[in-house]
Every structure is written in C-alpha cells, then in structure tokens.
Protein backbone atom coordinates (compact mmCIF):
# COMPACT_ATOMS: atom_id res chain seq x y z
CA GLN A 1 -43.58 21.97 22.19
CA ASP A 2 -40.89 22.29 19.57
CA GLU A 3 -37.68 24.35 19.74
CA TRP A 4 -35.63 25.73 16.84
CA VAL A 5 -32.16 27.24 16.68
CA VAL A 6 -32.32 29.45 13.61
CA SER A 7 -28.82 30.84 13.97
CA LYS A 8 -26.17 31.44 16.60
CA GLN A 9 -28.12 34.51 17.76
CA LEU A 10 -31.75 33.56 17.11
CA SER A 11 -33.79 30.74 18.64
CA GLY A 12 -37.41 30.13 19.47
CA TYR A 13 -40.06 27.67 20.34
CA LEU A 14 -43.73 27.02 19.73
CA GLY A 15 -45.98 25.02 21.99
CA LEU A 16 -49.64 23.98 22.25
CA ARG A 17 -51.45 22.78 25.35
CA TRP A 18 -55.04 21.66 25.90
CA GLU A 19 -56.65 22.17 29.28
CA GLY A 20 -60.10 21.24 30.52
CA LEU A 21 -62.25 21.44 33.62
CA ALA A 22 -65.38 19.46 34.30
CA THR A 23 -67.30 20.26 37.49
CA ARG A 24 -70.39 18.53 38.88
CA THR A 25 -71.89 19.71 42.13
CA THR A 26 -74.63 17.79 43.98
CA GLY A 27 -75.73 17.61 47.55
CA ARG A 28 -78.63 17.72 49.96
CA GLY A 29 -80.52 20.96 49.44
CA LEU A 30 -78.43 21.91 46.40
CA ASP A 31 -79.48 21.95 42.77
CA GLU A 32 -77.20 19.84 40.63
CA VAL A 33 -74.83 21.93 38.52
CA LYS A 34 -72.62 20.66 35.72
CA VAL A 35 -70.02 22.97 34.17
CA ARG A 36 -67.48 22.06 31.51
CA SER A 37 -64.87 24.31 29.96
CA THR A 38 -61.87 23.75 27.72
CA ALA A 39 -59.08 25.89 26.27
CA ILE A 40 -56.36 25.45 23.72
CA SER A 41 -53.33 27.42 24.88
CA PRO A 42 -50.63 28.23 22.30
CA THR A 43 -47.29 29.69 23.31
CA ALA A 44 -44.48 31.17 21.24
CA GLN A 45 -41.12 32.66 22.23
CA LEU A 46 -38.20 34.22 20.34
CA ILE A 47 -34.76 34.81 21.87
CA TRP A 48 -32.25 37.05 20.10
CA LYS A 49 -28.72 37.13 21.48
CA LEU A 50 -27.04 40.48 20.75
CA PRO A 51 -24.18 40.05 18.24
CA ASP A 52 -21.56 42.08 20.11
CA ALA A 53 -22.58 41.03 23.61
CA PRO A 54 -23.02 37.20 23.86
CA LYS A 55 -24.28 37.44 27.46
CA ASP A 56 -27.11 39.83 26.53
CA GLN A 57 -30.38 38.74 24.98
CA VAL A 58 -33.82 40.05 24.07
CA ARG A 59 -36.80 37.77 24.67
CA LEU A 60 -40.30 38.15 23.22
CA ALA A 61 -43.07 35.78 24.30
CA LEU A 62 -46.76 35.38 23.46
CA ALA A 63 -48.94 32.92 25.35
CA ARG A 64 -52.51 32.08 26.24
CA THR A 65 -53.06 31.07 29.86
CA TYR A 66 -55.94 29.32 31.68
CA ARG A 67 -56.68 29.79 35.39
CA ALA A 68 -59.23 27.31 36.72
CA PRO A 69 -61.37 28.21 39.74
CA THR A 70 -60.35 26.57 43.03
CA ALA A 71 -62.58 23.98 44.72
CA ARG A 72 -63.55 26.54 47.39
CA GLU A 73 -64.68 28.97 44.68
CA LEU A 74 -66.89 26.29 43.05
CA VAL A 75 -68.58 24.56 46.03
CA PRO A 76 -71.93 26.33 46.74
CA ARG A 77 -71.76 25.61 50.45
CA ARG A 78 -72.06 28.72 52.64
CA TRP A 79 -69.36 29.51 55.22
CA VAL A 80 -70.95 31.58 57.97
CA VAL A 81 -69.12 34.22 60.08
CA ASN A 82 -70.23 35.28 63.57
CA ASP A 83 -70.38 39.04 62.86
CA ASN A 84 -72.04 39.34 59.45
CA THR A 85 -71.52 42.81 57.89
CA ALA A 86 -70.69 44.20 54.44
CA THR A 87 -67.00 44.09 55.35
CA THR A 88 -67.15 40.63 56.98
CA PRO A 89 -69.67 38.73 54.81
CA ASN A 90 -70.49 35.04 54.71
CA TYR A 91 -68.76 33.23 51.83
CA GLN A 92 -70.47 31.02 49.27
CA GLY A 93 -68.92 29.36 46.22
CA ASN A 94 -70.31 29.65 42.70
CA PRO A 95 -70.61 26.33 40.83
CA SER A 96 -71.30 28.19 37.54
CA LEU A 97 -67.92 29.98 37.66
CA GLN A 98 -65.93 29.84 34.42
CA PRO A 99 -62.12 29.83 34.26
CA GLU A 100 -60.13 32.92 33.37
CA LEU A 101 -58.55 32.93 29.92
CA ALA A 102 -55.80 35.43 29.10
CA TRP A 103 -53.52 36.41 26.23
CA GLY A 104 -50.17 37.68 27.40
CA LEU A 105 -47.26 39.43 25.69
CA ASP A 106 -43.86 39.79 27.36
CA ALA A 107 -40.73 41.60 26.16
CA ALA A 108 -37.48 41.40 28.14
CA PHE A 109 -33.83 42.40 28.05
CA GLU A 110 -31.63 39.95 30.02
CA HIS A 111 -27.94 40.26 30.89
CA TYR A 112 -26.08 37.26 32.32
CA GLY A 113 -22.88 38.31 34.02
CA ALA A 114 -20.02 36.44 35.67
CA LYS A 115 -21.03 33.29 37.54
CA ASP A 116 -24.55 33.74 38.91
CA SER A 117 -25.07 37.45 38.28
CA PHE A 118 -28.13 38.49 36.33
CA LEU A 119 -29.97 41.68 35.37
CA GLY A 120 -33.39 41.57 33.68
CA ILE A 121 -35.93 44.22 32.63
CA THR A 122 -39.36 42.98 31.53
CA VAL A 123 -42.48 44.72 30.29
CA TYR A 124 -45.70 42.76 29.97
CA THR A 125 -49.38 43.05 29.22
CA ARG A 126 -52.30 40.60 29.66
CA ARG A 127 -55.90 40.69 28.36
CA ILE A 128 -58.12 38.53 30.57
CA ARG A 129 -61.54 37.20 29.70
CA ASP A 130 -64.01 36.14 32.46
CA VAL A 131 -61.88 37.60 35.22
CA ILE A 132 -62.86 36.20 38.63
CA LEU A 133 -63.75 38.85 41.25
CA GLN A 134 -65.59 38.77 44.58
CA ARG A 135 -69.17 40.10 44.54
CA VAL A 136 -70.57 41.20 47.89
CA TYR A 137 -74.35 41.58 48.18
CA GLU A 138 -77.13 41.58 50.77
CA ASP A 139 -79.78 38.86 50.30
CA GLU A 140 -83.49 39.15 51.10
CA SER A 141 -82.96 38.13 54.73
CA GLY A 142 -80.38 40.92 55.32
CA THR A 143 -77.40 38.57 55.27
CA TRP A 144 -74.24 39.79 53.57
CA ILE A 145 -72.67 37.24 51.19
CA SER A 146 -69.42 37.25 49.23
CA THR A 147 -69.28 35.00 46.18
CA PRO A 148 -66.86 34.73 43.26
CA THR A 149 -68.22 35.80 39.90
CA ASN A 150 -67.01 36.25 36.35
CA ALA A 151 -66.78 40.02 35.83
CA GLY A 152 -66.05 40.27 32.12
CA ARG A 153 -62.78 41.60 30.71
CA ALA A 154 -59.69 42.96 32.47
CA THR A 155 -56.20 44.05 31.50
CA THR A 156 -52.96 44.03 33.45
CA SER A 157 -49.60 45.39 32.50
CA GLY A 158 -46.37 46.14 34.22
CA LEU A 159 -42.67 46.65 34.38
CA GLU A 160 -40.29 44.42 36.35
CA LEU A 161 -36.63 44.78 37.24
CA GLU A 162 -34.76 41.78 38.61
CA ALA A 163 -31.12 41.66 39.67
CA LYS A 164 -28.99 38.89 41.21
CA GLU A 165 -25.36 39.07 42.34
CA SER A 166 -23.04 37.03 44.54
CA LEU A 167 -21.00 38.85 47.19
CA ARG A 168 -18.00 36.74 46.18
CA SER A 169 -18.10 38.07 42.63
CA ILE A 170 -17.69 41.57 44.10
CA GLU A 171 -14.93 40.57 46.56
CA PRO A 172 -13.59 36.96 46.74
CA ARG A 173 -13.03 37.16 50.52
CA LEU A 174 -16.67 37.89 51.24
CA PRO A 175 -19.06 35.05 52.26
CA ASN A 176 -20.83 33.08 49.55
CA VAL A 177 -24.13 34.99 49.85
CA GLN A 178 -26.51 35.62 46.96
CA LEU A 179 -28.08 39.08 46.82
CA ARG A 180 -31.40 39.41 44.96
CA LEU A 181 -33.47 42.44 44.07
CA SER A 182 -36.87 42.47 42.49
CA VAL A 183 -38.93 45.61 41.82
CA ALA A 184 -42.23 45.69 39.94
CA ARG A 185 -44.81 48.26 38.98
CA ASN A 186 -48.15 46.76 38.01
CA PHE A 187 -51.30 48.29 36.54
CA SER A 188 -54.74 46.72 36.18
CA LYS A 189 -58.13 47.69 34.85
CA VAL A 190 -61.41 45.77 35.06
CA ALA A 191 -64.11 46.68 32.52
CA ALA A 192 -67.01 46.00 34.91
CA ILE A 193 -65.79 48.33 37.69
C-alpha cells in the first residue's frame, strides 16, 4: 500500500493484496477433494477536502474483496436434525465451494465536527462473483439437505447515514455520553434467483 498527498485538499492511496485458499478434504467414506483458489485484490481511494470547509471531505473508494468459505461450509460431513423437513433440513458442507469475489465502489461525504462529532453519508455498490447461497433439496431417500453452493453473480447496493455526537458538546454540564445513530437501506439482487 502506498499513500500520496497531492495537495492540501487531495490525497489518496493505492494498495494490492494477494489472498489464497487451499482446501483438502479426506476421511472415511469421503472422496478426496482438493480445491485451490487465489485472488489479487487491488484497492484505491481518493479523499478531497472541501476548500471552504476543512472539516468536510468527499471520499471515493474502489476495491476488490475476497470472502473465503468457512470450515463448516467446506467440510462434507452431514449434521443431522431430529425433525427433517424442507424448513429444518440436515446440513452438509460443500468441499468444492469457491470463494466470493467482489468489486466494490463507495462514495461518501464526511463532516467532522467539534471534538468527537461526526456525520457521514455513504452510497455503495458491489458486484459479486460466485456468491454463496444455501441450496435446499430432497435426496433420493426423501431426506432434506441444505448445502452451500456458488450461485453465480449478485449485486448489492445501499445508502448509509451515520452520526455521532457527545452530550457534552451540546451542553457541558451533561454526562460524558456518546450518542450514535446509524441508518442503512440495502438492496440486493442474485442472478440465479
């Protein structure tokens, strides 16, 4: 990662990260499965401080992220429930599961007030490849099974509002209590559904 200060109002950074996952599953009664995946994840961010308002800034960020499956999602062992139905299925991991890769773009306006006060508005969007979803199916014996599977592409987007203020900054005689507010509206769409 490298950071640059272009001017008093403009700064940015670039970064590059490599991530990898190698999984090998063996066991009595299980076929051996070997899965390997890697990703190069670049990240870039620009911050522009508004000329007439030094406590206000606009941030723009682009990044690629990598979400590896958990061990439970990968191990093909079956977890059995007592009352097996379509809404309470057995669970079985998927050793062939691939990680999720996503490109994300964020744009934010941030205002830093007196002491610890803060107000931020962020809009974001993500394009995800190999999104991991649960697939529920009935096998040949009539047993319901839930297993994680890669379900193709998905997109998420949203709007977030975050505010932080100290009671003392409103009135010095009030207790030193930090008030926080966070509101978000999120949207998602999966191509396979």
